[in-house]
Amino acid sequence: MQETPERLLIIDDDEMFCHVLDRAMARRGFEVLVAHDAQQALSLARRHRPALATLDLKLENESGLKLLPELLEAVPTCRVVVLTGYSSIATAVEAIKLGAVNYLCKPADADEVLAAFHKEAGDPETEVAEQPPSINRIAWEHIQKVLQEHDGNISATARALGMHRRTLQRKLQKRPVRR
């Protein structure tokens, strides 16, 4: 008797990334479903009840953090790994609080994603950075924290930071500053 493959839902608005991850996971024996927005993701989740899901933090005009609780309400047993090219401490903490089992920075390969689904405990051997983060990285983290506090509202975040909304939008368009 053949075993049913484990179902994985990939939620990301980057079609090329979805295609690459889809193929890699299918080669590893998964039945893969792909959604490019929140509505499509919830529809697929309710209909197919995936065991695993990858969730992009920043979908086109939506926040993966807002989708996460809805996804887990639809499929409470689903193990969700948040993937993002816009990582910050604030969003990592919130993703875990909201029920994600792990949080990975892009680029991440299929093996790293698989390992993230099954990592049950923290690693006390994780290296602590030799240098403190740069001032630019600290500014990026602060912007992300304030944005999170204002539920992703750009105008409210700009007011709280004392900057023009367009300036904040330009800063958010850029990739996060490396350490």
C-alpha atoms as a PDB file:
ATOM      1  CA  MET A   1       0.000   0.000   0.000  1.00  0.00           C
ATOM      2  CA  GLN A   2       1.421   3.385  -1.045  1.00  0.00           C
ATOM      3  CA  GLU A   3       1.686   6.108   1.608  1.00  0.00           C
ATOM      4  CA  THR A   4      -0.014   9.447   0.883  1.00  0.00           C
ATOM      5  CA  PRO A   5       2.570  12.226   0.431  1.00  0.00           C
ATOM      6  CA  GLU A   6       2.676  14.989   3.023  1.00  0.00           C
ATOM      7  CA  ARG A   7       0.939  18.138   1.765  1.00  0.00           C
ATOM      8  CA  LEU A   8       2.838  21.451   1.731  1.00  0.00           C
ATOM      9  CA  LEU A   9       1.330  24.862   1.014  1.00  0.00           C
ATOM     10  CA  ILE A  10       3.744  27.530  -0.275  1.00  0.00           C
ATOM     11  CA  ILE A  11       2.391  31.067   0.212  1.00  0.00           C
ATOM     12  CA  ASP A  12       4.516  33.665  -1.539  1.00  0.00           C
ATOM     13  CA  ASP A  13       3.919  36.377  -4.136  1.00  0.00           C
ATOM     14  CA  ASP A  14       7.287  35.729  -5.816  1.00  0.00           C
ATOM     15  CA  GLU A  15       6.331  33.319  -8.589  1.00  0.00           C
ATOM     16  CA  MET A  16       9.915  32.323  -9.392  1.00  0.00           C
ATOM     17  CA  PHE A  17      10.659  31.490  -5.749  1.00  0.00           C
ATOM     18  CA  CYS A  18       7.434  29.448  -5.596  1.00  0.00           C
ATOM     19  CA  HIS A  19       8.364  27.544  -8.741  1.00  0.00           C
ATOM     20  CA  VAL A  20      11.856  26.688  -7.444  1.00  0.00           C
ATOM     21  CA  LEU A  21      10.649  25.654  -3.973  1.00  0.00           C
ATOM     22  CA  ASP A  22       7.701  23.739  -5.453  1.00  0.00           C
ATOM     23  CA  ARG A  23      10.000  21.641  -7.657  1.00  0.00           C
ATOM     24  CA  ALA A  24      12.510  21.042  -4.862  1.00  0.00           C
ATOM     25  CA  MET A  25       9.829  19.911  -2.413  1.00  0.00           C
ATOM     26  CA  ALA A  26       8.031  17.771  -4.998  1.00  0.00           C
ATOM     27  CA  ARG A  27      11.348  15.977  -5.624  1.00  0.00           C
ATOM     28  CA  ARG A  28      11.472  15.293  -1.891  1.00  0.00           C
ATOM     29  CA  GLY A  29       8.089  13.576  -2.046  1.00  0.00           C
ATOM     30  CA  PHE A  30       5.701  16.343  -1.013  1.00  0.00           C
ATOM     31  CA  GLU A  31       2.362  17.132  -2.593  1.00  0.00           C
ATOM     32  CA  VAL A  32       2.813  20.877  -3.152  1.00  0.00           C
ATOM     33  CA  LEU A  33       0.144  23.574  -3.358  1.00  0.00           C
ATOM     34  CA  VAL A  34       1.013  27.190  -4.192  1.00  0.00           C
ATOM     35  CA  ALA A  35      -0.829  30.407  -3.298  1.00  0.00           C
ATOM     36  CA  HIS A  36       0.212  33.936  -4.216  1.00  0.00           C
ATOM     37  CA  ASP A  37      -2.118  35.880  -1.895  1.00  0.00           C
ATOM     38  CA  ALA A  38      -4.007  35.524   1.387  1.00  0.00           C
ATOM     39  CA  GLN A  39      -7.407  34.708  -0.124  1.00  0.00           C
ATOM     40  CA  GLN A  40      -6.003  31.960  -2.339  1.00  0.00           C
ATOM     41  CA  ALA A  41      -3.959  30.584   0.584  1.00  0.00           C
ATOM     42  CA  LEU A  42      -6.967  30.348   2.897  1.00  0.00           C
ATOM     43  CA  SER A  43      -9.071  28.726   0.199  1.00  0.00           C
ATOM     44  CA  LEU A  44      -6.409  26.080  -0.505  1.00  0.00           C
ATOM     45  CA  ALA A  45      -5.776  25.517   3.215  1.00  0.00           C
ATOM     46  CA  ARG A  46      -9.449  24.945   3.986  1.00  0.00           C
ATOM     47  CA  ARG A  47      -9.920  22.625   1.032  1.00  0.00           C
ATOM     48  CA  HIS A  48      -6.686  20.581   1.246  1.00  0.00           C
ATOM     49  CA  ARG A  49      -5.665  20.857   4.940  1.00  0.00           C
ATOM     50  CA  PRO A  50      -1.868  20.916   4.470  1.00  0.00           C
ATOM     51  CA  ALA A  51       0.391  19.526   7.182  1.00  0.00           C
ATOM     52  CA  LEU A  52       3.049  22.161   6.446  1.00  0.00           C
ATOM     53  CA  ALA A  53       3.116  25.690   5.049  1.00  0.00           C
ATOM     54  CA  THR A  54       5.724  28.281   4.181  1.00  0.00           C
ATOM     55  CA  LEU A  55       4.453  31.824   4.535  1.00  0.00           C
ATOM     56  CA  ASP A  56       6.113  34.898   3.082  1.00  0.00           C
ATOM     57  CA  LEU A  57       6.142  37.738   5.587  1.00  0.00           C
ATOM     58  CA  LYS A  58       5.535  40.387   2.943  1.00  0.00           C
ATOM     59  CA  LEU A  59       2.920  39.407   0.377  1.00  0.00           C
ATOM     60  CA  GLU A  60       2.100  41.917  -2.395  1.00  0.00           C
ATOM     61  CA  ASN A  61      -0.227  44.193  -0.408  1.00  0.00           C
ATOM     62  CA  GLU A  62      -0.718  42.008   2.638  1.00  0.00           C
ATOM     63  CA  SER A  63       1.173  41.017   5.744  1.00  0.00           C
ATOM     64  CA  GLY A  64       1.960  37.371   6.332  1.00  0.00           C
ATOM     65  CA  LEU A  65       1.652  38.118  10.049  1.00  0.00           C
ATOM     66  CA  LYS A  66      -2.019  38.996   9.562  1.00  0.00           C
ATOM     67  CA  LEU A  67      -2.597  35.830   7.544  1.00  0.00           C
ATOM     68  CA  LEU A  68      -0.836  33.529  10.033  1.00  0.00           C
ATOM     69  CA  PRO A  69      -3.611  33.363  12.689  1.00  0.00           C
ATOM     70  CA  GLU A  70      -6.281  32.882  10.004  1.00  0.00           C
ATOM     71  CA  LEU A  71      -4.263  30.072   8.436  1.00  0.00           C
ATOM     72  CA  LEU A  72      -3.847  28.342  11.795  1.00  0.00           C
ATOM     73  CA  GLU A  73      -7.536  28.809  12.559  1.00  0.00           C
ATOM     74  CA  ALA A  74      -8.380  27.100   9.261  1.00  0.00           C
ATOM     75  CA  VAL A  75      -5.863  24.274   9.836  1.00  0.00           C
ATOM     76  CA  PRO A  76      -4.800  24.198  13.508  1.00  0.00           C
ATOM     77  CA  THR A  77      -2.409  21.266  12.996  1.00  0.00           C
ATOM     78  CA  CYS A  78      -0.470  22.982  10.196  1.00  0.00           C
ATOM     79  CA  ARG A  79       3.196  23.693  10.969  1.00  0.00           C
ATOM     80  CA  VAL A  80       4.066  27.100   9.506  1.00  0.00           C
ATOM     81  CA  VAL A  81       7.532  28.434   8.730  1.00  0.00           C
ATOM     82  CA  VAL A  82       7.693  32.144   7.957  1.00  0.00           C
ATOM     83  CA  LEU A  83      10.157  33.014   5.178  1.00  0.00           C
ATOM     84  CA  THR A  84      11.225  36.564   4.483  1.00  0.00           C
ATOM     85  CA  GLY A  85      13.721  38.738   2.720  1.00  0.00           C
ATOM     86  CA  TYR A  86      12.742  41.505   5.165  1.00  0.00           C
ATOM     87  CA  SER A  87      13.758  39.964   8.460  1.00  0.00           C
ATOM     88  CA  SER A  88      13.721  41.806  11.744  1.00  0.00           C
ATOM     89  CA  ILE A  89      13.727  40.839  15.379  1.00  0.00           C
ATOM     90  CA  ALA A  90      10.236  42.317  15.866  1.00  0.00           C
ATOM     91  CA  THR A  91       8.658  40.287  13.060  1.00  0.00           C
ATOM     92  CA  ALA A  92      10.472  37.107  14.112  1.00  0.00           C
ATOM     93  CA  VAL A  93       9.165  37.438  17.668  1.00  0.00           C
ATOM     94  CA  GLU A  94       5.631  38.194  16.475  1.00  0.00           C
ATOM     95  CA  ALA A  95       5.623  35.292  14.003  1.00  0.00           C
ATOM     96  CA  ILE A  96       6.543  32.852  16.761  1.00  0.00           C
ATOM     97  CA  LYS A  97       3.999  34.381  19.161  1.00  0.00           C
ATOM     98  CA  LEU A  98       1.327  34.031  16.468  1.00  0.00           C
ATOM     99  CA  GLY A  99       2.054  30.324  16.052  1.00  0.00           C
ATOM    100  CA  ALA A 100       4.808  29.882  13.467  1.00  0.00           C
ATOM    101  CA  VAL A 101       7.143  26.997  14.299  1.00  0.00           C
ATOM    102  CA  ASN A 102      10.113  28.802  12.798  1.00  0.00           C
ATOM    103  CA  TYR A 103      11.282  31.924  10.950  1.00  0.00           C
ATOM    104  CA  LEU A 104      13.844  31.890   8.150  1.00  0.00           C
ATOM    105  CA  CYS A 105      15.549  34.626   6.193  1.00  0.00           C
ATOM    106  CA  LYS A 106      15.602  34.317   2.421  1.00  0.00           C
ATOM    107  CA  PRO A 107      17.374  33.000   0.570  1.00  0.00           C
ATOM    108  CA  ALA A 108      16.730  29.617   2.142  1.00  0.00           C
ATOM    109  CA  ASP A 109      17.042  26.338   0.288  1.00  0.00           C
ATOM    110  CA  ALA A 110      14.661  23.382   0.498  1.00  0.00           C
ATOM    111  CA  ASP A 111      16.813  21.535   3.027  1.00  0.00           C
ATOM    112  CA  GLU A 112      16.866  24.544   5.359  1.00  0.00           C
ATOM    113  CA  VAL A 113      13.089  24.869   5.045  1.00  0.00           C
ATOM    114  CA  LEU A 114      12.594  21.178   5.815  1.00  0.00           C
ATOM    115  CA  ALA A 115      14.895  21.404   8.835  1.00  0.00           C
ATOM    116  CA  ALA A 116      12.965  24.457  10.080  1.00  0.00           C
ATOM    117  CA  PHE A 117       9.677  22.523  10.060  1.00  0.00           C
ATOM    118  CA  HIS A 118      11.091  19.846  12.303  1.00  0.00           C
ATOM    119  CA  LYS A 119      13.317  21.806  14.660  1.00  0.00           C
ATOM    120  CA  GLU A 120      11.569  21.420  17.994  1.00  0.00           C
ATOM    121  CA  ALA A 121      13.933  23.147  20.417  1.00  0.00           C
ATOM    122  CA  GLY A 122      16.277  26.097  20.557  1.00  0.00           C
ATOM    123  CA  ASP A 123      20.012  25.673  20.118  1.00  0.00           C
ATOM    124  CA  PRO A 124      22.116  26.980  23.029  1.00  0.00           C
ATOM    125  CA  GLU A 125      25.200  26.577  20.803  1.00  0.00           C
ATOM    126  CA  THR A 126      24.009  29.291  18.412  1.00  0.00           C
ATOM    127  CA  GLU A 127      26.847  31.743  17.939  1.00  0.00           C
ATOM    128  CA  VAL A 128      26.516  35.196  19.425  1.00  0.00           C
ATOM    129  CA  ALA A 129      27.670  37.956  17.069  1.00  0.00           C
ATOM    130  CA  GLU A 130      31.183  39.258  17.661  1.00  0.00           C
ATOM    131  CA  GLN A 131      30.154  42.826  16.868  1.00  0.00           C
ATOM    132  CA  PRO A 132      27.021  44.733  17.825  1.00  0.00           C
ATOM    133  CA  PRO A 133      24.724  45.550  14.913  1.00  0.00           C
ATOM    134  CA  SER A 134      25.492  48.625  12.812  1.00  0.00           C
ATOM    135  CA  ILE A 135      23.593  51.844  13.431  1.00  0.00           C
ATOM    136  CA  ASN A 136      21.793  51.301  10.109  1.00  0.00           C
ATOM    137  CA  ARG A 137      20.679  47.832  11.230  1.00  0.00           C
ATOM    138  CA  ILE A 138      19.481  49.213  14.572  1.00  0.00           C
ATOM    139  CA  ALA A 139      17.483  51.878  12.698  1.00  0.00           C
ATOM    140  CA  TRP A 140      15.961  49.159  10.443  1.00  0.00           C
ATOM    141  CA  GLU A 141      15.006  47.078  13.503  1.00  0.00           C
ATOM    142  CA  HIS A 142      13.452  50.115  15.193  1.00  0.00           C
ATOM    143  CA  ILE A 143      11.393  50.970  12.111  1.00  0.00           C
ATOM    144  CA  GLN A 144      10.163  47.356  11.949  1.00  0.00           C
ATOM    145  CA  LYS A 145       9.253  47.394  15.651  1.00  0.00           C
ATOM    146  CA  VAL A 146       7.270  50.635  15.336  1.00  0.00           C
ATOM    147  CA  LEU A 147       5.610  49.391  12.130  1.00  0.00           C
ATOM    148  CA  GLN A 148       4.574  46.225  13.979  1.00  0.00           C
ATOM    149  CA  GLU A 149       3.198  48.284  16.887  1.00  0.00           C
ATOM    150  CA  HIS A 150       1.023  50.165  14.390  1.00  0.00           C
ATOM    151  CA  ASP A 151      -0.275  46.997  12.679  1.00  0.00           C
ATOM    152  CA  GLY A 152       1.599  47.733   9.454  1.00  0.00           C
ATOM    153  CA  ASN A 153      -0.001  51.175   9.038  1.00  0.00           C
ATOM    154  CA  ILE A 154       2.615  53.251   7.187  1.00  0.00           C
ATOM    155  CA  SER A 155       1.066  56.650   7.964  1.00  0.00           C
ATOM    156  CA  ALA A 156       0.751  55.956  11.700  1.00  0.00           C
ATOM    157  CA  THR A 157       4.289  54.554  11.781  1.00  0.00           C
ATOM    158  CA  ALA A 158       5.678  57.619   9.979  1.00  0.00           C
ATOM    159  CA  ARG A 159       3.940  59.926  12.467  1.00  0.00           C
ATOM    160  CA  ALA A 160       5.301  57.892  15.406  1.00  0.00           C
ATOM    161  CA  LEU A 161       8.818  58.040  13.954  1.00  0.00           C
ATOM    162  CA  GLY A 162       8.533  61.746  13.114  1.00  0.00           C
ATOM    163  CA  MET A 163       9.268  61.229   9.421  1.00  0.00           C
ATOM    164  CA  HIS A 164       7.455  61.845   6.179  1.00  0.00           C
ATOM    165  CA  ARG A 165       5.354  58.915   4.974  1.00  0.00           C
ATOM    166  CA  ARG A 166       7.115  58.793   1.581  1.00  0.00           C
ATOM    167  CA  THR A 167      10.520  58.685   3.278  1.00  0.00           C
ATOM    168  CA  LEU A 168       9.372  55.734   5.356  1.00  0.00           C
ATOM    169  CA  GLN A 169       7.967  54.003   2.268  1.00  0.00           C
ATOM    170  CA  ARG A 170      11.328  54.393   0.491  1.00  0.00           C
ATOM    171  CA  LYS A 171      13.153  52.934   3.501  1.00  0.00           C
ATOM    172  CA  LEU A 172      10.763  49.985   3.610  1.00  0.00           C
ATOM    173  CA  GLN A 173      11.240  49.294  -0.119  1.00  0.00           C
ATOM    174  CA  LYS A 174      14.928  48.590   0.455  1.00  0.00           C
ATOM    175  CA  ARG A 175      16.313  45.281   1.587  1.00  0.00           C
ATOM    176  CA  PRO A 176      17.149  45.184   5.280  1.00  0.00           C
ATOM    177  CA  VAL A 177      20.605  46.302   6.252  1.00  0.00           C
ATOM    178  CA  ARG A 178      22.983  43.463   7.097  1.00  0.00           C
ATOM    179  CA  ARG A 179      24.526  43.419  10.512  1.00  0.00           C
END
